[in-house]
Amino acid sequence: MKVIFISELADKGFIEHMKGLGTVILVPGDPRLDPRISSHPDLVVTIVDNNLIIDEGASPRLFAQLDALELPYVRSSQPLKNEYPYDIAYNAVVTKYHLIHNLAYTNPLILQHCKNSGKTLVNVKQGYGKCSTVLLDDRHLISSDSGICRSVRDLADISILPVQPGFVELEGFDYGFLGGCSGVIDDTVVFHGDLSRHPDFHKIKEFIKAAGKKLLYFTDFPLRDIGSILVYQADDTKSKGSETTEYKKHVNIPIFISHEGCPNDCVFCNQRKITAKTQAMSIDEVKEQIKSYCSTLDQETFTELAYFGGSFTGIAASLQESYLSLAYEYKQAGTIHAIRLSTRPDYISTEILERLKKYSVDIIELGVQSLDDNILAATKRGHQVSDVYKAVNLIKTYGFGLGIQLMVGLPGDTKETAVQSARLAALLQPDFVRIYPTLVIRETELASLSLCGEYSPLSLDTAVDWTREMYQVFLDSHIAVIRMGLQPTELIAEGKEVLYGPFHPAFRQLVESEYFYDLIKKELSLQKDKLPACSRIKIICNPADLSQVIGHKRKNIIRLEKEYGIMKMQMQIITDSRIKPLTLELISE
């Protein structure tokens, strides 16, 4: 699905024409911005590597349109104001290879992602970089800004056509920008207005033709700046794992290789304590594990063999081959349906991926933990964020499914860095994520740091709060969160191998209960004028979400009664399978 973002103040005939080229989202005015340009898409939306980054303070009407179309997006925080340069954070030129903007004011999420992904950062004085530039493709630009033209001319891999400034209307200003009235839809460069009136029309037309593009403009009104025409290509393909939908159950056969392949001990880690395995399973033990699991499974169960507990691709190549050839044998026989493994980002290479592809591995999970270099250093991970980006790029190039594991509450972590790590992870578009709160395990460096007061684990309430915000990032991005919190075992319990930290056997339920409580409060705020007179409030949810809506030990019900004065007799929670999971409806009567 092709999605076209246009200012709601664009020419009505133009809007109707765009509806024939794709699904149109009309961007409403933002009261934080100058009213003359407040509905310009490029002031609150940036498309980066086919990710939608939207300012979290943008109009609710914009988010309502996105949600109605079930489009994934990543919210970012930026204190926008109605004066330059405090309105330019999202007005950047982003290509596959470059970020061109006044970098002092670039939105931090956009800037960090572009740095991490190895794009060339081009600092220019012009803050309205996107408005000032017609972006034909990754290699061809048109701009009326002399500073942008000078800076881009020095880049060997970009051709730029300088044109005269002006000749574009923008109400309340002397003139607008050519980039602000243009966009590219498929292979056609579209202009909002009559491009033929521009003095450089013929140069522009020939440059567009040389770039292999077509040209579309509208002669019944002059060129008018509407804040760019942004085009997003939604992914209509099935996500990884969709092949499992025909099965009623999904089972992982866990094979723990217990710290094998790890080059060092991270401060938080003791896999031998976590997995209760002091050494890797032998080939015979793996065979017995598979036999034991499969004896209880039927043909309606999708079965994965999963190598966990260490960095699989860091173990000796010969041992990898032994494990993989055994898994491949069972997969070929139809005993198992998929193979997954976990490893470190810096233990991914073309040679390694060729080996995994040879043995039909399906999914690779990366132990990312954080996307903040300072936190990675403090935890002695031994790799950097750039290693994560390189690994993800390679894994996707080879066509493997991708999982990302994140931790919350590591040394140096804050709520801001944890949520920013989630946002950056979402921009990498993994197929799923896992989120683990940091626990202090016996015989780890973190245990020593805790004892001497150099590290304080998060409280349970704080860990739930931070994780809830990370969870929201992935819900917005349509990325599955397949686990939150460590799986309780005989050893993974407070007072046993877990010394301190936010351990709870129902950690996911705590997080999702907080998510639903926020959702209920939001719905109540929308109906606040009706509440004093209503005699009953109906909360309707999917049956699968009932316990989370009620809350752990009825916490949500108790809080609603206390905070809103809603007595138990006034509140009715109803399940309805027609309600989409993780959503609800609230009716006041």
Protein backbone atom coordinates (compact mmCIF):
# COMPACT_ATOMS: atom_id res chain seq x y z
CA MET A 1 0.00 0.00 0.00
CA LYS A 2 1.28 3.41 -1.04
CA VAL A 3 0.56 6.14 1.54
CA ILE A 4 0.78 9.81 0.56
CA PHE A 5 1.06 12.48 3.27
CA ILE A 6 -0.31 15.87 2.17
CA SER A 7 -1.21 19.05 4.02
CA GLU A 8 -4.93 19.36 4.61
CA LEU A 9 -4.62 22.83 3.04
CA ALA A 10 -3.45 21.49 -0.31
CA ASP A 11 -5.56 22.24 -3.38
CA LYS A 12 -8.74 20.13 -3.24
CA GLY A 13 -8.45 19.04 -6.86
CA PHE A 14 -4.86 18.04 -6.25
CA ILE A 15 -5.88 15.98 -3.23
CA GLU A 16 -8.52 14.14 -5.26
CA HIS A 17 -5.95 13.37 -7.97
CA MET A 18 -3.54 12.00 -5.34
CA LYS A 19 -6.25 9.66 -4.05
CA GLY A 20 -6.07 7.96 -7.43
CA LEU A 21 -2.34 7.33 -6.94
CA GLY A 22 -2.39 5.99 -3.39
CA THR A 23 -3.95 6.21 0.06
CA VAL A 24 -3.93 9.84 1.17
CA ILE A 25 -3.36 10.98 4.75
CA LEU A 26 -4.25 14.63 5.29
CA VAL A 27 -1.96 16.20 7.88
CA PRO A 28 -3.90 18.55 10.20
CA GLY A 29 -2.55 21.77 11.67
CA ASP A 30 -0.36 21.51 14.76
CA PRO A 31 -1.07 24.24 17.36
CA ARG A 32 2.57 24.27 18.45
CA LEU A 33 3.69 25.52 15.04
CA ASP A 34 3.31 28.73 13.08
CA PRO A 35 -0.29 28.55 11.76
CA ARG A 36 0.89 29.44 8.24
CA ILE A 37 2.85 26.18 8.02
CA SER A 38 1.36 24.13 10.86
CA SER A 39 -0.13 21.46 8.55
CA HIS A 40 3.11 20.86 6.65
CA PRO A 41 3.88 17.11 6.82
CA ASP A 42 7.66 17.59 6.85
CA LEU A 43 7.50 19.44 10.19
CA VAL A 44 6.18 16.42 12.12
CA VAL A 45 6.91 13.41 9.87
CA THR A 46 10.17 11.99 8.51
CA ILE A 47 10.51 8.83 6.45
CA VAL A 48 13.82 7.10 7.19
CA ASP A 49 14.74 3.78 5.56
CA ASN A 50 11.02 3.24 4.93
CA ASN A 51 10.19 3.87 8.60
CA LEU A 52 7.61 6.44 9.59
CA ILE A 53 8.94 8.64 12.38
CA ILE A 54 6.16 10.83 13.79
CA ASP A 55 6.44 13.46 16.49
CA GLU A 56 4.55 12.14 19.51
CA GLY A 57 2.91 15.54 20.02
CA ALA A 58 1.42 15.60 16.52
CA SER A 59 -2.33 15.97 16.12
CA PRO A 60 -4.45 13.05 17.41
CA ARG A 61 -6.25 13.26 14.07
CA LEU A 62 -3.01 12.28 12.33
CA PHE A 63 -2.54 9.24 14.58
CA ALA A 64 -6.20 8.30 14.12
CA GLN A 65 -5.65 8.09 10.36
CA LEU A 66 -2.50 6.01 10.81
CA ASP A 67 -4.22 3.62 13.20
CA ALA A 68 -7.28 3.29 10.98
CA LEU A 69 -4.99 2.10 8.19
CA GLU A 70 -3.05 -0.09 10.66
CA LEU A 71 0.22 1.54 9.65
CA PRO A 72 3.35 0.97 11.73
CA TYR A 73 5.18 4.05 13.02
CA VAL A 74 7.71 5.16 15.61
CA ARG A 75 6.89 8.09 17.85
CA SER A 76 9.70 10.49 18.71
CA SER A 77 9.86 13.25 21.28
CA GLN A 78 10.76 16.80 20.25
CA PRO A 79 9.83 20.14 21.90
CA LEU A 80 8.57 21.87 18.75
CA LYS A 81 7.84 25.61 18.80
CA ASN A 82 6.34 28.12 16.37
CA GLU A 83 9.60 29.81 15.51
CA TYR A 84 12.74 28.93 13.56
CA PRO A 85 14.89 26.92 14.28
CA TYR A 86 12.69 25.13 16.81
CA ASP A 87 10.37 23.80 14.11
CA ILE A 88 12.92 22.11 11.85
CA ALA A 89 13.80 18.89 13.72
CA TYR A 90 12.05 16.63 11.20
CA ASN A 91 12.75 18.73 8.07
CA ALA A 92 15.76 16.70 6.97
CA VAL A 93 16.78 15.15 3.66
CA VAL A 94 17.34 11.44 4.32
CA THR A 95 18.47 9.08 1.57
CA LYS A 96 19.82 5.55 1.69
CA TYR A 97 23.32 6.93 2.03
CA HIS A 98 23.06 10.49 3.43
CA LEU A 99 21.51 12.76 6.03
CA ILE A 100 21.49 16.39 4.90
CA HIS A 101 20.35 18.91 7.51
CA ASN A 102 21.36 21.51 10.06
CA LEU A 103 22.58 18.78 12.38
CA ALA A 104 22.49 20.93 15.51
CA TYR A 105 18.70 20.80 15.33
CA THR A 106 18.04 17.36 13.83
CA ASN A 107 15.68 15.17 15.83
CA PRO A 108 17.94 12.97 18.04
CA LEU A 109 16.31 9.69 16.98
CA ILE A 110 16.77 10.48 13.28
CA LEU A 111 20.34 11.66 13.85
CA GLN A 112 21.32 8.63 15.94
CA HIS A 113 19.79 6.12 13.54
CA CYS A 114 21.55 7.72 10.57
CA LYS A 115 24.88 7.71 12.44
CA ASN A 116 24.43 4.09 13.49
CA SER A 117 23.55 2.98 9.98
CA GLY A 118 26.69 4.57 8.53
CA LYS A 119 25.05 7.29 6.48
CA THR A 120 27.22 10.26 5.51
CA LEU A 121 26.18 13.21 7.67
CA VAL A 122 26.11 16.47 5.69
CA ASN A 123 25.79 19.53 7.91
CA VAL A 124 24.25 22.57 6.20
CA LYS A 125 23.10 25.94 7.48
CA GLN A 126 19.60 25.56 6.01
CA GLY A 127 17.25 24.11 8.62
CA TYR A 128 14.39 23.54 6.19
CA GLY A 129 16.48 20.98 4.33
CA LYS A 130 13.57 18.88 3.09
CA CYS A 131 11.51 21.90 1.99
CA SER A 132 14.53 23.26 0.13
CA THR A 133 15.24 20.05 -1.76
CA VAL A 134 13.43 18.04 -4.41
CA LEU A 135 14.53 14.48 -3.67
CA LEU A 136 14.21 12.50 -6.91
CA ASP A 137 15.99 9.43 -5.56
CA ASP A 138 19.08 8.57 -3.51
CA ARG A 139 21.39 9.98 -6.21
CA HIS A 140 19.54 12.96 -7.71
CA LEU A 141 18.52 16.19 -5.96
CA ILE A 142 17.24 19.62 -6.97
CA SER A 143 17.69 22.58 -4.64
CA SER A 144 17.43 26.37 -4.61
CA ASP A 145 19.59 26.62 -1.49
CA SER A 146 23.17 27.59 -2.36
CA GLY A 147 24.57 26.11 0.86
CA ILE A 148 23.01 22.71 0.19
CA CYS A 149 24.23 22.80 -3.42
CA ARG A 150 27.81 23.60 -2.36
CA SER A 151 27.87 20.85 0.26
CA VAL A 152 26.35 18.20 -1.98
CA ARG A 153 28.61 19.05 -4.93
CA ASP A 154 31.52 17.69 -2.88
CA LEU A 155 29.85 14.27 -2.71
CA ALA A 156 30.87 12.01 -5.58
CA ASP A 157 27.74 9.87 -5.41
CA ILE A 158 25.08 12.60 -5.77
CA SER A 159 24.08 14.81 -8.70
CA ILE A 160 22.38 18.06 -7.72
CA LEU A 161 20.69 20.64 -9.95
CA PRO A 162 20.83 24.21 -8.58
CA VAL A 163 17.78 26.32 -9.41
CA GLN A 164 16.72 29.88 -8.71
CA PRO A 165 15.07 30.53 -5.33
CA GLY A 166 11.50 31.77 -5.18
CA PHE A 167 8.68 31.41 -7.72
CA VAL A 168 6.78 29.29 -5.20
CA GLU A 169 3.91 30.74 -3.16
CA LEU A 170 3.68 30.36 0.62
CA GLU A 171 1.01 32.44 2.28
CA GLY A 172 2.43 34.93 4.77
CA PHE A 173 6.01 34.59 3.48
CA ASP A 174 7.92 36.19 0.62
CA TYR A 175 8.18 32.81 -1.08
CA GLY A 176 8.17 29.09 -0.46
CA PHE A 177 10.44 26.24 -1.50
CA LEU A 178 10.38 23.94 -4.50
CA GLY A 179 10.91 20.88 -2.32
CA GLY A 180 7.94 21.95 -0.23
CA CYS A 181 5.58 21.52 -3.18
CA SER A 182 6.94 18.23 -4.51
CA GLY A 183 7.23 14.51 -3.93
CA VAL A 184 7.96 11.30 -5.83
CA ILE A 185 5.25 8.69 -6.32
CA ASP A 186 6.61 5.53 -7.93
CA ASP A 187 8.60 6.84 -10.93
CA THR A 188 6.80 10.19 -11.15
CA VAL A 189 7.90 13.52 -9.68
CA VAL A 190 4.75 15.38 -8.64
CA PHE A 191 4.53 19.16 -8.14
CA HIS A 192 1.70 20.94 -6.33
CA GLY A 193 1.01 23.61 -8.94
CA ASP A 194 2.22 24.79 -12.33
CA LEU A 195 5.92 24.00 -12.64
CA SER A 196 5.99 25.40 -16.19
CA ARG A 197 5.87 28.94 -14.74
CA HIS A 198 9.23 28.42 -13.01
CA PRO A 199 12.09 30.11 -14.92
CA ASP A 200 14.19 26.92 -14.66
CA PHE A 201 11.36 24.70 -15.87
CA HIS A 202 13.22 23.26 -18.87
CA LYS A 203 16.37 22.52 -16.83
CA ILE A 204 14.25 20.82 -14.18
CA LYS A 205 12.33 18.83 -16.77
CA GLU A 206 15.51 17.57 -18.46
CA PHE A 207 17.16 16.72 -15.12
CA ILE A 208 14.11 14.70 -14.08
CA LYS A 209 14.10 12.88 -17.42
CA ALA A 210 17.84 12.11 -17.13
CA ALA A 211 17.18 10.61 -13.69
CA GLY A 212 14.69 8.21 -15.28
CA LYS A 213 11.61 9.87 -13.81
CA LYS A 214 8.34 11.15 -15.23
CA LEU A 215 6.88 14.58 -14.45
CA LEU A 216 3.42 15.57 -13.23
CA TYR A 217 2.31 19.12 -12.43
CA PHE A 218 -0.97 21.02 -12.32
CA THR A 219 -1.46 24.08 -14.53
CA ASP A 220 -4.65 25.44 -12.94
CA PHE A 221 -2.90 27.04 -9.95
CA PRO A 222 0.61 28.38 -9.23
CA LEU A 223 3.30 26.40 -7.40
CA ARG A 224 2.40 26.47 -3.72
CA ASP A 225 4.50 25.16 -0.81
CA ILE A 226 2.50 22.65 1.25
CA GLY A 227 5.36 21.16 3.25
CA SER A 228 6.43 18.40 0.85
CA ILE A 229 4.52 15.40 -0.45
CA LEU A 230 5.80 12.48 1.61
CA VAL A 231 5.34 8.96 0.24
CA TYR A 232 5.56 5.83 2.39
CA GLN A 233 5.43 2.31 0.99
CA ALA A 234 3.69 0.08 3.52
CA ASP A 235 4.84 -3.54 3.57
CA ASP A 236 1.94 -5.71 2.46
CA THR A 237 3.93 -8.95 2.60
CA LYS A 238 3.34 -11.53 5.28
CA SER A 239 5.61 -11.25 8.30
CA LYS A 240 8.04 -13.97 9.31
CA GLY A 241 6.33 -16.78 11.12
CA SER A 242 3.08 -16.51 9.17
CA GLU A 243 3.71 -20.04 7.96
CA THR A 244 2.88 -21.22 11.49
CA THR A 245 -0.73 -20.00 11.35
CA GLU A 246 -1.96 -23.40 10.14
CA TYR A 247 -0.78 -24.96 13.41
CA LYS A 248 -2.72 -24.79 16.67
CA LYS A 249 0.36 -24.81 18.90
CA HIS A 250 3.94 -23.58 18.72
CA VAL A 251 6.67 -25.30 20.74
CA ASN A 252 10.37 -24.56 21.07
CA ILE A 253 12.73 -27.40 21.87
CA PRO A 254 15.42 -25.57 23.86
CA ILE A 255 19.02 -26.67 23.44
CA PHE A 256 21.25 -24.82 25.90
CA ILE A 257 24.85 -24.35 24.87
CA SER A 258 25.55 -22.55 28.18
CA HIS A 259 27.98 -19.70 27.59
CA GLU A 260 29.71 -21.45 24.72
CA GLY A 261 31.08 -18.98 22.18
CA CYS A 262 30.95 -15.93 24.46
CA PRO A 263 34.31 -14.12 24.42
CA ASN A 264 33.79 -12.46 27.78
CA ASP A 265 31.51 -12.20 30.80
CA CYS A 266 29.13 -9.27 30.66
CA VAL A 267 28.59 -7.77 34.11
CA PHE A 268 25.05 -9.16 34.36
CA CYS A 269 25.61 -12.62 32.92
CA ASN A 270 26.03 -16.08 34.34
CA GLN A 271 24.40 -18.39 31.82
CA ARG A 272 25.31 -21.45 33.84
CA LYS A 273 23.20 -20.17 36.72
CA ILE A 274 20.35 -18.97 34.49
CA THR A 275 20.08 -22.20 32.48
CA ALA A 276 21.16 -24.61 35.24
CA LYS A 277 23.62 -26.04 32.69
CA THR A 278 27.30 -26.09 33.54
CA GLN A 279 28.34 -27.20 30.08
CA ALA A 280 26.93 -27.39 26.58
CA MET A 281 24.66 -30.30 25.69
CA SER A 282 26.32 -33.11 23.79
CA ILE A 283 24.98 -34.33 20.45
CA ASP A 284 23.50 -37.38 22.16
CA GLU A 285 21.81 -35.16 24.74
CA VAL A 286 20.36 -33.02 21.97
CA LYS A 287 18.96 -36.13 20.31
CA GLU A 288 17.37 -37.23 23.59
CA GLN A 289 15.92 -33.74 24.13
CA ILE A 290 14.32 -33.76 20.68
CA LYS A 291 13.01 -37.29 21.17
CA SER A 292 11.56 -36.41 24.57
CA TYR A 293 9.75 -33.30 23.32
CA CYS A 294 8.48 -34.82 20.08
CA SER A 295 6.98 -37.81 21.88
CA THR A 296 4.39 -35.49 23.39
CA LEU A 297 3.62 -33.44 20.26
CA ASP A 298 1.13 -33.97 17.47
CA GLN A 299 0.95 -32.90 13.83
CA GLU A 300 -0.90 -29.70 14.77
CA THR A 301 2.18 -28.36 16.59
CA PHE A 302 4.74 -26.16 14.90
CA THR A 303 8.08 -27.24 16.36
CA GLU A 304 11.28 -25.21 16.44
CA LEU A 305 14.71 -26.34 17.55
CA ALA A 306 16.22 -23.41 19.43
CA TYR A 307 19.89 -23.06 20.43
CA PHE A 308 19.99 -20.75 23.46
CA GLY A 309 22.27 -19.87 26.35
CA GLY A 310 25.39 -18.67 24.55
CA SER A 311 26.66 -17.09 21.35
CA PHE A 312 26.08 -19.91 18.90
CA THR A 313 28.07 -18.42 16.04
CA GLY A 314 31.03 -17.86 18.34
CA ILE A 315 31.64 -21.52 19.10
CA ALA A 316 34.12 -23.56 17.08
CA ALA A 317 33.02 -23.97 13.46
CA SER A 318 33.28 -27.76 13.72
CA LEU A 319 30.93 -27.82 16.73
CA GLN A 320 28.51 -25.48 14.93
CA GLU A 321 28.50 -27.90 12.01
CA SER A 322 27.73 -30.81 14.35
CA TYR A 323 24.78 -29.06 15.98
CA LEU A 324 23.47 -27.67 12.69
CA SER A 325 23.77 -30.88 10.69
CA LEU A 326 21.76 -32.69 13.37
CA ALA A 327 19.07 -30.00 13.32
CA TYR A 328 19.03 -30.04 9.52
CA GLU A 329 18.54 -33.81 9.53
CA TYR A 330 15.47 -33.51 11.77
CA LYS A 331 14.10 -30.62 9.71
CA GLN A 332 14.48 -32.53 6.45
CA ALA A 333 12.67 -35.47 8.01
CA GLY A 334 9.80 -33.19 9.06
CA THR A 335 10.32 -33.88 12.77
CA ILE A 336 10.92 -30.18 13.37
CA HIS A 337 9.76 -27.27 11.24
CA ALA A 338 12.29 -24.52 11.95
CA ILE A 339 15.72 -23.81 13.45
CA ARG A 340 16.55 -20.73 15.48
CA LEU A 341 19.59 -19.65 17.42
CA SER A 342 20.84 -16.72 19.48
CA THR A 343 24.19 -14.97 19.18
CA ARG A 344 26.08 -11.71 19.54
CA PRO A 345 25.93 -8.90 16.95
CA ASP A 346 29.71 -8.93 16.49
CA TYR A 347 29.65 -12.65 15.69
CA ILE A 348 27.84 -12.24 12.39
CA SER A 349 29.69 -12.32 9.06
CA THR A 350 29.08 -13.45 5.50
CA GLU A 351 31.05 -16.64 6.19
CA ILE A 352 28.92 -17.42 9.26
CA LEU A 353 25.66 -16.66 7.48
CA GLU A 354 26.62 -18.84 4.53
CA ARG A 355 27.06 -21.70 6.99
CA LEU A 356 23.68 -21.04 8.65
CA LYS A 357 21.97 -20.80 5.28
CA LYS A 358 23.56 -24.10 4.23
CA TYR A 359 21.85 -25.83 7.17
CA SER A 360 18.50 -24.10 6.65
CA VAL A 361 18.50 -21.97 9.81
CA ASP A 362 15.35 -19.84 9.89
CA ILE A 363 15.72 -17.26 12.66
CA ILE A 364 18.64 -15.47 14.27
CA GLU A 365 18.16 -13.69 17.59
CA LEU A 366 20.68 -10.99 18.45
CA GLY A 367 21.56 -10.23 22.05
CA VAL A 368 21.53 -6.47 21.54
CA GLN A 369 20.63 -5.52 25.16
CA SER A 370 20.96 -1.76 24.52
CA LEU A 371 21.42 0.60 21.59
CA ASP A 372 23.42 3.08 23.63
CA ASP A 373 27.21 2.81 23.36
CA ASN A 374 27.78 4.15 26.88
CA ILE A 375 25.56 1.47 28.38
CA LEU A 376 27.17 -1.26 26.28
CA ALA A 377 30.58 -0.13 27.56
CA ALA A 378 29.38 -0.02 31.18
CA THR A 379 28.07 -3.58 30.90
CA LYS A 380 31.27 -4.82 29.18
CA ARG A 381 29.38 -6.17 26.20
CA GLY A 382 32.45 -5.98 23.99
CA HIS A 383 30.59 -4.62 20.95
CA GLN A 384 29.17 -1.30 19.81
CA VAL A 385 25.86 -0.16 18.38
CA SER A 386 27.40 -0.01 14.91
CA ASP A 387 28.00 -3.77 15.15
CA VAL A 388 24.28 -4.28 15.68
CA TYR A 389 23.39 -2.30 12.56
CA LYS A 390 25.95 -4.17 10.46
CA ALA A 391 24.70 -7.53 11.72
CA VAL A 392 21.05 -6.66 11.10
CA ASN A 393 21.83 -5.53 7.57
CA LEU A 394 23.64 -8.79 6.80
CA ILE A 395 20.97 -10.97 8.38
CA LYS A 396 18.24 -9.28 6.36
CA THR A 397 20.29 -9.46 3.17
CA TYR A 398 20.50 -13.23 3.60
CA GLY A 399 16.76 -13.51 4.27
CA PHE A 400 16.81 -14.85 7.82
CA GLY A 401 14.11 -14.00 10.33
CA LEU A 402 15.41 -11.53 12.90
CA GLY A 403 14.81 -11.25 16.64
CA ILE A 404 16.26 -8.60 18.97
CA GLN A 405 16.76 -9.06 22.69
CA LEU A 406 16.79 -5.91 24.86
CA MET A 407 17.42 -5.41 28.57
CA VAL A 408 16.08 -2.67 30.79
CA GLY A 409 17.84 -1.27 33.88
CA LEU A 410 21.45 -2.04 32.91
CA PRO A 411 24.22 0.05 34.53
CA GLY A 412 23.86 3.63 33.28
CA ASP A 413 20.38 3.02 31.89
CA THR A 414 17.57 5.56 32.31
CA LYS A 415 13.97 5.57 31.21
CA GLU A 416 14.95 7.86 28.32
CA THR A 417 17.80 5.63 27.10
CA ALA A 418 15.70 2.48 27.48
CA VAL A 419 12.84 3.92 25.41
CA GLN A 420 15.27 5.34 22.86
CA SER A 421 16.83 1.88 22.50
CA ALA A 422 13.35 0.52 21.81
CA ARG A 423 12.74 3.19 19.17
CA LEU A 424 16.07 2.51 17.47
CA ALA A 425 15.37 -1.23 17.58
CA ALA A 426 11.97 -0.62 15.98
CA LEU A 427 13.65 1.29 13.14
CA LEU A 428 15.66 -1.88 12.41
CA GLN A 429 12.33 -3.64 11.76
CA PRO A 430 12.98 -6.99 13.46
CA ASP A 431 10.33 -9.68 13.24
CA PHE A 432 10.06 -9.84 17.02
CA VAL A 433 11.72 -8.67 20.23
CA ARG A 434 12.21 -9.90 23.78
CA ILE A 435 12.53 -7.51 26.74
CA TYR A 436 14.27 -8.61 29.93
CA PRO A 437 14.54 -6.57 33.15
CA THR A 438 18.07 -6.67 34.53
CA LEU A 439 18.35 -9.06 37.48
CA VAL A 440 21.31 -9.43 39.80
CA ILE A 441 22.41 -13.07 39.53
CA ARG A 442 24.79 -14.82 41.90
CA GLU A 443 28.46 -14.94 40.93
CA THR A 444 28.31 -12.05 38.47
CA GLU A 445 30.17 -8.77 38.43
CA LEU A 446 26.83 -7.03 38.85
CA ALA A 447 26.38 -8.86 42.15
CA SER A 448 29.71 -7.45 43.35
CA LEU A 449 28.80 -3.96 42.14
CA SER A 450 25.49 -4.18 43.97
CA LEU A 451 27.09 -5.29 47.22
CA CYS A 452 29.49 -2.33 47.20
CA GLY A 453 26.75 0.14 46.29
CA GLU A 454 27.93 0.90 42.74
CA TYR A 455 24.78 -0.50 41.13
CA SER A 456 21.16 -0.34 42.23
CA PRO A 457 18.66 -2.55 40.43
CA LEU A 458 15.33 -1.12 39.36
CA SER A 459 12.35 -1.59 41.63
CA LEU A 460 9.60 -3.78 40.21
CA ASP A 461 7.29 -0.80 39.68
CA THR A 462 10.01 1.15 37.85
CA ALA A 463 10.92 -1.81 35.63
CA VAL A 464 7.26 -2.29 34.73
CA ASP A 465 6.89 1.42 33.94
CA TRP A 466 9.97 1.56 31.67
CA THR A 467 9.05 -1.71 29.95
CA ARG A 468 5.48 -0.52 29.38
CA GLU A 469 6.80 2.46 27.39
CA MET A 470 9.11 0.19 25.40
CA TYR A 471 6.19 -2.15 24.78
CA GLN A 472 4.15 0.75 23.40
CA VAL A 473 6.93 1.53 20.92
CA PHE A 474 6.73 -2.00 19.52
CA LEU A 475 2.93 -2.03 19.49
CA ASP A 476 2.97 1.19 17.43
CA SER A 477 5.57 -0.39 15.13
CA HIS A 478 3.61 -3.66 14.73
CA ILE A 479 6.57 -5.66 16.05
CA ALA A 480 5.72 -8.69 18.19
CA VAL A 481 7.04 -8.75 21.74
CA ILE A 482 7.25 -12.48 22.34
CA ARG A 483 8.59 -12.30 25.90
CA MET A 484 8.84 -9.82 28.75
CA GLY A 485 10.73 -11.06 31.81
CA LEU A 486 12.78 -14.19 32.38
CA GLN A 487 11.03 -17.54 32.38
CA PRO A 488 10.61 -18.65 36.03
CA THR A 489 12.47 -21.87 36.82
CA GLU A 490 13.61 -23.67 39.93
CA LEU A 491 16.73 -21.49 39.95
CA ILE A 492 15.36 -18.25 38.46
CA ALA A 493 13.44 -17.03 41.46
CA GLU A 494 14.10 -14.40 44.08
CA GLY A 495 16.14 -15.78 46.97
CA LYS A 496 17.72 -18.47 44.83
CA GLU A 497 20.04 -17.51 41.97
CA VAL A 498 18.38 -14.08 41.71
CA LEU A 499 19.82 -11.92 44.47
CA TYR A 500 18.09 -8.63 43.68
CA GLY A 501 16.12 -6.93 41.00
CA PRO A 502 12.63 -6.73 39.48
CA PHE A 503 11.86 -10.42 39.19
CA HIS A 504 8.21 -11.43 39.01
CA PRO A 505 6.81 -14.69 37.61
CA ALA A 506 4.03 -12.72 35.86
CA PHE A 507 6.12 -9.77 34.68
CA ARG A 508 4.40 -9.62 31.29
CA GLN A 509 0.97 -9.47 32.90
CA LEU A 510 2.12 -6.57 35.08
CA VAL A 511 3.31 -4.66 32.02
CA GLU A 512 0.20 -5.34 29.98
CA SER A 513 -2.03 -4.44 32.94
CA GLU A 514 -0.35 -1.03 33.10
CA TYR A 515 -0.79 -0.68 29.35
CA PHE A 516 -4.52 -1.33 29.66
CA TYR A 517 -4.87 0.99 32.64
CA ASP A 518 -3.38 3.80 30.56
CA LEU A 519 -5.76 2.88 27.73
CA ILE A 520 -8.78 3.00 30.05
CA LYS A 521 -7.69 6.37 31.47
CA LYS A 522 -7.32 7.75 27.95
CA GLU A 523 -10.83 6.60 27.05
CA LEU A 524 -12.23 8.05 30.28
CA SER A 525 -10.60 11.40 29.57
CA LEU A 526 -12.32 11.49 26.16
CA GLN A 527 -15.68 11.00 27.90
CA LYS A 528 -15.03 13.07 31.01
CA ASP A 529 -18.03 15.34 30.40
CA LYS A 530 -20.37 12.34 30.45
CA LEU A 531 -18.97 10.67 33.57
CA PRO A 532 -20.79 12.70 36.29
CA ALA A 533 -24.18 11.81 34.84
CA CYS A 534 -23.54 8.20 33.80
CA SER A 535 -24.85 5.28 35.85
CA ARG A 536 -22.74 2.56 34.26
CA ILE A 537 -19.41 2.22 32.46
CA LYS A 538 -18.87 -0.73 30.16
CA ILE A 539 -15.32 -1.75 29.31
CA ILE A 540 -15.34 -4.16 26.37
CA CYS A 541 -12.18 -6.14 25.58
CA ASN A 542 -11.03 -9.24 23.75
CA PRO A 543 -11.41 -12.40 25.90
CA ALA A 544 -7.65 -12.97 25.79
CA ASP A 545 -7.09 -9.60 27.50
CA LEU A 546 -9.59 -9.92 30.34
CA SER A 547 -7.12 -10.62 33.17
CA GLN A 548 -4.83 -7.81 32.01
CA VAL A 549 -7.73 -5.33 31.88
CA ILE A 550 -8.73 -6.29 35.43
CA GLY A 551 -5.09 -6.11 36.50
CA HIS A 552 -2.89 -8.28 38.70
CA LYS A 553 -4.82 -8.87 41.94
CA ARG A 554 -7.57 -6.59 40.53
CA LYS A 555 -5.22 -3.63 40.70
CA ASN A 556 -6.83 -1.76 37.79
CA ILE A 557 -10.33 -2.12 39.19
CA ILE A 558 -9.21 -0.88 42.61
CA ARG A 559 -7.42 2.13 41.08
CA LEU A 560 -10.39 3.07 38.92
CA GLU A 561 -12.68 2.97 41.93
CA LYS A 562 -10.27 5.13 43.91
CA GLU A 563 -9.08 7.63 41.27
CA TYR A 564 -12.34 8.13 39.40
CA GLY A 565 -14.90 7.38 42.09
CA ILE A 566 -16.29 4.58 39.96
CA MET A 567 -17.98 2.13 42.29
CA LYS A 568 -17.88 -1.56 41.52
CA MET A 569 -21.58 -1.61 40.69
CA GLN A 570 -21.04 1.10 38.05
CA MET A 571 -18.35 -0.78 36.18
CA GLN A 572 -18.93 -3.73 33.90
CA ILE A 573 -16.15 -5.52 32.04
CA ILE A 574 -17.41 -7.43 29.03
CA THR A 575 -15.50 -9.72 26.68
CA ASP A 576 -16.19 -9.73 22.97
CA SER A 577 -14.10 -11.69 20.46
CA ARG A 578 -14.84 -9.03 17.83
CA ILE A 579 -12.66 -6.56 19.74
CA LYS A 580 -9.12 -6.54 18.40
CA PRO A 581 -6.56 -7.87 20.92
CA LEU A 582 -4.75 -5.19 22.94
CA THR A 583 -7.53 -2.68 22.32
CA LEU A 584 -10.77 -1.93 24.14
CA GLU A 585 -13.98 0.05 23.88
CA LEU A 586 -15.47 2.11 26.68
CA ILE A 587 -19.16 2.98 26.78
CA SER A 588 -20.67 5.30 29.40
CA GLU A 589 -24.41 5.03 29.97
